[in-house]
Amino acid sequence: MDQQDCGCHKIKERTETEYKSLIHRLNRIEGQIRGIRGMVEKSAYCPDILLQVAAANAALHAFSRELLENHIKTCVVRDIRMGRDETVDELVATLRKLMK
C-alpha cells in the first residue's frame, strides 16, 4: 500500500478499479476545461461559460470526495489498525485545508 518513494513522498498503490475510476473522472474534467477554453475562444456568452465552470467545479469536488473516501477506507483504516495515530492528525489537517 503506502511506501516510501525516494524518501520524500508517500505513494499509494491503487486497485485497478479505483485507478480507472479516478482517471475516468479526470479525463472528463480535462474535457470540460478544454470545452470552457473553447467557449472563451469563441466569445461565448458569460453566463454560459459560468455554468460550464460550475459543472467543472462540481466534477472536481466529486473527484475529491471519491479520493478522500478511498483514502479513509484504505490508508487511514490500515494505519489506525497498525497503531499509527499520526495518520488521524494528517487526515484532520487535510480536511482543514479542504474546508477553507
N, C-alpha and C. Protein backbone atom coordinates (compact mmCIF):
# COMPACT_ATOMS: atom_id res chain seq x y z
N MET A 1 0.85 -1.18 0.00
CA MET A 1 0.00 0.00 0.00
C MET A 1 0.89 1.24 0.00
N ASP A 2 0.91 2.06 1.07
CA ASP A 2 1.78 3.22 1.08
C ASP A 2 3.21 2.76 1.22
N GLN A 3 4.09 3.33 0.46
CA GLN A 3 5.50 3.01 0.54
C GLN A 3 6.26 4.32 0.46
N GLN A 4 7.49 4.27 0.90
CA GLN A 4 8.34 5.45 0.71
C GLN A 4 8.90 5.38 -0.69
N ASP A 5 8.77 6.44 -1.42
CA ASP A 5 9.27 6.51 -2.79
C ASP A 5 10.75 6.83 -2.71
N CYS A 6 11.10 8.09 -2.77
CA CYS A 6 12.50 8.50 -2.72
C CYS A 6 12.84 9.03 -1.34
N GLY A 7 12.02 8.71 -0.34
CA GLY A 7 12.23 9.23 0.99
C GLY A 7 11.57 10.58 1.20
N CYS A 8 10.97 11.14 0.15
CA CYS A 8 10.37 12.46 0.28
C CYS A 8 8.86 12.46 0.04
N HIS A 9 8.32 11.38 -0.49
CA HIS A 9 6.88 11.32 -0.79
C HIS A 9 6.35 9.93 -0.47
N LYS A 10 5.12 9.91 0.03
CA LYS A 10 4.42 8.63 0.16
C LYS A 10 3.75 8.35 -1.17
N ILE A 11 3.57 7.08 -1.46
CA ILE A 11 2.82 6.71 -2.65
C ILE A 11 1.73 5.74 -2.25
N LYS A 12 0.76 5.57 -3.12
CA LYS A 12 -0.39 4.69 -2.84
C LYS A 12 -0.58 3.77 -4.02
N GLU A 13 -0.56 2.49 -3.77
CA GLU A 13 -0.89 1.52 -4.81
C GLU A 13 -2.40 1.37 -4.82
N ARG A 14 -3.01 1.72 -5.95
CA ARG A 14 -4.46 1.67 -6.07
C ARG A 14 -4.89 0.40 -6.79
N THR A 15 -6.08 -0.06 -6.45
CA THR A 15 -6.63 -1.18 -7.20
C THR A 15 -6.90 -0.69 -8.61
N GLU A 16 -7.02 -1.62 -9.53
CA GLU A 16 -7.30 -1.24 -10.92
C GLU A 16 -8.64 -0.53 -11.03
N THR A 17 -9.63 -0.97 -10.26
CA THR A 17 -10.94 -0.34 -10.27
C THR A 17 -10.86 1.11 -9.80
N GLU A 18 -10.16 1.33 -8.68
CA GLU A 18 -10.00 2.68 -8.14
C GLU A 18 -9.26 3.56 -9.14
N TYR A 19 -8.18 3.05 -9.69
CA TYR A 19 -7.37 3.79 -10.66
C TYR A 19 -8.21 4.20 -11.87
N LYS A 20 -8.93 3.24 -12.44
CA LYS A 20 -9.74 3.52 -13.63
C LYS A 20 -10.82 4.56 -13.34
N SER A 21 -11.45 4.45 -12.18
CA SER A 21 -12.50 5.40 -11.83
C SER A 21 -11.94 6.81 -11.70
N LEU A 22 -10.81 6.95 -11.02
CA LEU A 22 -10.21 8.27 -10.85
C LEU A 22 -9.75 8.85 -12.18
N ILE A 23 -9.10 8.04 -13.00
CA ILE A 23 -8.63 8.51 -14.30
C ILE A 23 -9.82 8.90 -15.19
N HIS A 24 -10.90 8.12 -15.14
CA HIS A 24 -12.10 8.45 -15.91
C HIS A 24 -12.64 9.82 -15.52
N ARG A 25 -12.72 10.06 -14.22
CA ARG A 25 -13.20 11.37 -13.74
C ARG A 25 -12.28 12.49 -14.22
N LEU A 26 -10.96 12.27 -14.10
CA LEU A 26 -10.01 13.30 -14.52
C LEU A 26 -10.09 13.56 -16.02
N ASN A 27 -10.28 12.52 -16.80
CA ASN A 27 -10.42 12.71 -18.25
C ASN A 27 -11.65 13.56 -18.58
N ARG A 28 -12.75 13.30 -17.86
CA ARG A 28 -13.96 14.10 -18.08
C ARG A 28 -13.74 15.55 -17.69
N ILE A 29 -13.06 15.76 -16.56
CA ILE A 29 -12.78 17.12 -16.10
C ILE A 29 -11.88 17.84 -17.11
N GLU A 30 -10.88 17.14 -17.59
CA GLU A 30 -9.99 17.72 -18.59
C GLU A 30 -10.77 18.14 -19.84
N GLY A 31 -11.70 17.31 -20.26
CA GLY A 31 -12.54 17.65 -21.41
C GLY A 31 -13.40 18.87 -21.13
N GLN A 32 -13.93 18.96 -19.90
CA GLN A 32 -14.75 20.12 -19.54
C GLN A 32 -13.91 21.40 -19.60
N ILE A 33 -12.68 21.33 -19.10
CA ILE A 33 -11.81 22.50 -19.09
C ILE A 33 -11.47 22.92 -20.52
N ARG A 34 -11.18 21.95 -21.37
CA ARG A 34 -10.93 22.27 -22.79
C ARG A 34 -12.16 22.92 -23.43
N GLY A 35 -13.34 22.42 -23.06
CA GLY A 35 -14.58 23.00 -23.57
C GLY A 35 -14.76 24.43 -23.13
N ILE A 36 -14.42 24.72 -21.89
CA ILE A 36 -14.53 26.09 -21.37
C ILE A 36 -13.57 27.01 -22.13
N ARG A 37 -12.34 26.53 -22.34
CA ARG A 37 -11.39 27.33 -23.10
C ARG A 37 -11.93 27.61 -24.50
N GLY A 38 -12.52 26.59 -25.12
CA GLY A 38 -13.11 26.78 -26.44
C GLY A 38 -14.22 27.80 -26.43
N MET A 39 -15.02 27.80 -25.38
CA MET A 39 -16.10 28.78 -25.28
C MET A 39 -15.53 30.20 -25.19
N VAL A 40 -14.46 30.37 -24.41
CA VAL A 40 -13.83 31.69 -24.30
C VAL A 40 -13.26 32.10 -25.65
N GLU A 41 -12.60 31.17 -26.32
CA GLU A 41 -12.00 31.46 -27.63
C GLU A 41 -13.06 31.85 -28.65
N LYS A 42 -14.28 31.31 -28.51
CA LYS A 42 -15.36 31.60 -29.45
C LYS A 42 -16.27 32.73 -28.95
N SER A 43 -15.81 33.41 -27.88
CA SER A 43 -16.55 34.56 -27.33
C SER A 43 -17.96 34.20 -26.89
N ALA A 44 -18.10 33.05 -26.25
CA ALA A 44 -19.41 32.62 -25.76
C ALA A 44 -19.91 33.61 -24.69
N TYR A 45 -21.20 33.60 -24.49
CA TYR A 45 -21.86 34.47 -23.51
C TYR A 45 -21.42 34.08 -22.10
N CYS A 46 -21.09 35.09 -21.29
CA CYS A 46 -20.51 34.85 -19.96
C CYS A 46 -21.31 33.87 -19.09
N PRO A 47 -22.63 34.02 -18.96
CA PRO A 47 -23.37 33.08 -18.12
C PRO A 47 -23.26 31.63 -18.61
N ASP A 48 -23.16 31.45 -19.92
CA ASP A 48 -23.00 30.09 -20.45
C ASP A 48 -21.66 29.50 -20.01
N ILE A 49 -20.62 30.33 -20.04
CA ILE A 49 -19.30 29.87 -19.59
C ILE A 49 -19.33 29.57 -18.10
N LEU A 50 -19.95 30.46 -17.35
CA LEU A 50 -20.02 30.27 -15.90
C LEU A 50 -20.73 28.98 -15.52
N LEU A 51 -21.77 28.61 -16.26
CA LEU A 51 -22.46 27.34 -15.99
C LEU A 51 -21.53 26.16 -16.22
N GLN A 52 -20.70 26.24 -17.25
CA GLN A 52 -19.75 25.16 -17.51
C GLN A 52 -18.65 25.12 -16.45
N VAL A 53 -18.24 26.29 -15.96
CA VAL A 53 -17.26 26.34 -14.87
C VAL A 53 -17.85 25.69 -13.62
N ALA A 54 -19.11 25.97 -13.34
CA ALA A 54 -19.77 25.36 -12.18
C ALA A 54 -19.81 23.84 -12.32
N ALA A 55 -20.06 23.36 -13.53
CA ALA A 55 -20.09 21.91 -13.77
C ALA A 55 -18.69 21.31 -13.57
N ALA A 56 -17.66 22.01 -14.02
CA ALA A 56 -16.29 21.52 -13.83
C ALA A 56 -15.92 21.52 -12.35
N ASN A 57 -16.33 22.55 -11.63
CA ASN A 57 -16.09 22.59 -10.18
C ASN A 57 -16.78 21.43 -9.48
N ALA A 58 -18.01 21.15 -9.85
CA ALA A 58 -18.75 20.03 -9.26
C ALA A 58 -18.04 18.71 -9.56
N ALA A 59 -17.51 18.58 -10.77
CA ALA A 59 -16.79 17.35 -11.12
C ALA A 59 -15.50 17.22 -10.31
N LEU A 60 -14.80 18.32 -10.08
CA LEU A 60 -13.60 18.28 -9.23
C LEU A 60 -13.95 17.92 -7.80
N HIS A 61 -15.05 18.46 -7.31
CA HIS A 61 -15.49 18.12 -5.94
C HIS A 61 -15.83 16.63 -5.84
N ALA A 62 -16.48 16.09 -6.85
CA ALA A 62 -16.82 14.67 -6.85
C ALA A 62 -15.54 13.82 -6.88
N PHE A 63 -14.55 14.24 -7.65
CA PHE A 63 -13.26 13.56 -7.69
C PHE A 63 -12.63 13.57 -6.29
N SER A 64 -12.63 14.74 -5.66
CA SER A 64 -12.05 14.87 -4.32
C SER A 64 -12.76 13.98 -3.30
N ARG A 65 -14.09 13.95 -3.37
CA ARG A 65 -14.85 13.11 -2.45
C ARG A 65 -14.49 11.64 -2.62
N GLU A 66 -14.41 11.20 -3.87
CA GLU A 66 -14.08 9.79 -4.13
C GLU A 66 -12.67 9.47 -3.63
N LEU A 67 -11.73 10.36 -3.90
CA LEU A 67 -10.35 10.14 -3.47
C LEU A 67 -10.26 10.12 -1.94
N LEU A 68 -10.94 11.04 -1.28
CA LEU A 68 -10.93 11.09 0.17
C LEU A 68 -11.58 9.84 0.77
N GLU A 69 -12.70 9.42 0.21
CA GLU A 69 -13.38 8.21 0.69
C GLU A 69 -12.46 6.99 0.58
N ASN A 70 -11.81 6.85 -0.58
CA ASN A 70 -10.88 5.74 -0.76
C ASN A 70 -9.73 5.81 0.23
N HIS A 71 -9.22 7.01 0.46
CA HIS A 71 -8.11 7.20 1.40
C HIS A 71 -8.51 6.76 2.81
N ILE A 72 -9.68 7.20 3.24
CA ILE A 72 -10.13 6.85 4.60
C ILE A 72 -10.33 5.34 4.72
N LYS A 73 -10.99 4.74 3.72
CA LYS A 73 -11.31 3.31 3.79
C LYS A 73 -10.08 2.42 3.67
N THR A 74 -9.00 2.92 3.10
CA THR A 74 -7.81 2.08 2.92
C THR A 74 -6.68 2.54 3.84
N CYS A 75 -6.05 3.63 3.49
CA CYS A 75 -4.85 4.09 4.20
C CYS A 75 -5.11 4.41 5.67
N VAL A 76 -6.14 5.20 5.93
CA VAL A 76 -6.41 5.63 7.30
C VAL A 76 -6.78 4.43 8.17
N VAL A 77 -7.69 3.60 7.70
CA VAL A 77 -8.10 2.42 8.47
C VAL A 77 -6.90 1.51 8.75
N ARG A 78 -6.10 1.26 7.73
CA ARG A 78 -4.92 0.40 7.89
C ARG A 78 -3.95 0.98 8.92
N ASP A 79 -3.67 2.28 8.79
CA ASP A 79 -2.71 2.90 9.71
C ASP A 79 -3.22 2.90 11.15
N ILE A 80 -4.50 3.15 11.35
CA ILE A 80 -5.07 3.12 12.70
C ILE A 80 -4.94 1.72 13.29
N ARG A 81 -5.25 0.71 12.49
CA ARG A 81 -5.12 -0.67 12.96
C ARG A 81 -3.68 -1.02 13.32
N MET A 82 -2.73 -0.35 12.65
CA MET A 82 -1.31 -0.60 12.90
C MET A 82 -0.77 0.31 14.01
N GLY A 83 -1.65 1.09 14.62
CA GLY A 83 -1.24 1.96 15.72
C GLY A 83 -0.60 3.27 15.29
N ARG A 84 -0.73 3.63 14.04
CA ARG A 84 -0.15 4.88 13.54
C ARG A 84 -1.16 6.02 13.70
N ASP A 85 -1.28 6.50 14.91
CA ASP A 85 -2.27 7.53 15.23
C ASP A 85 -1.99 8.86 14.52
N GLU A 86 -0.75 9.08 14.09
CA GLU A 86 -0.43 10.34 13.40
C GLU A 86 -1.20 10.48 12.09
N THR A 87 -1.68 9.37 11.57
CA THR A 87 -2.47 9.40 10.34
C THR A 87 -3.78 10.17 10.55
N VAL A 88 -4.34 10.07 11.74
CA VAL A 88 -5.55 10.82 12.05
C VAL A 88 -5.25 12.32 12.03
N ASP A 89 -4.11 12.71 12.61
CA ASP A 89 -3.71 14.12 12.58
C ASP A 89 -3.52 14.61 11.14
N GLU A 90 -2.92 13.76 10.31
CA GLU A 90 -2.72 14.09 8.91
C GLU A 90 -4.07 14.28 8.20
N LEU A 91 -5.02 13.38 8.49
CA LEU A 91 -6.35 13.47 7.90
C LEU A 91 -7.05 14.76 8.33
N VAL A 92 -6.98 15.08 9.61
CA VAL A 92 -7.61 16.30 10.12
C VAL A 92 -6.99 17.53 9.45
N ALA A 93 -5.68 17.55 9.32
CA ALA A 93 -5.01 18.69 8.67
C ALA A 93 -5.44 18.80 7.21
N THR A 94 -5.57 17.67 6.54
CA THR A 94 -6.03 17.68 5.14
C THR A 94 -7.45 18.21 5.04
N LEU A 95 -8.34 17.75 5.93
CA LEU A 95 -9.73 18.21 5.91
C LEU A 95 -9.81 19.72 6.17
N ARG A 96 -8.98 20.22 7.09
CA ARG A 96 -8.97 21.66 7.35
C ARG A 96 -8.60 22.43 6.09
N LYS A 97 -7.60 21.96 5.36
CA LYS A 97 -7.19 22.63 4.12
C LYS A 97 -8.31 22.57 3.08
N LEU A 98 -8.99 21.45 3.00
CA LEU A 98 -10.06 21.29 2.01
C LEU A 98 -11.27 22.16 2.32
N MET A 99 -11.47 22.49 3.59
CA MET A 99 -12.67 23.22 4.01
C MET A 99 -12.46 24.73 4.11
N LYS A 100 -11.35 25.23 3.63
CA LYS A 100 -11.11 26.68 3.67
C LYS A 100 -12.02 27.40 2.72
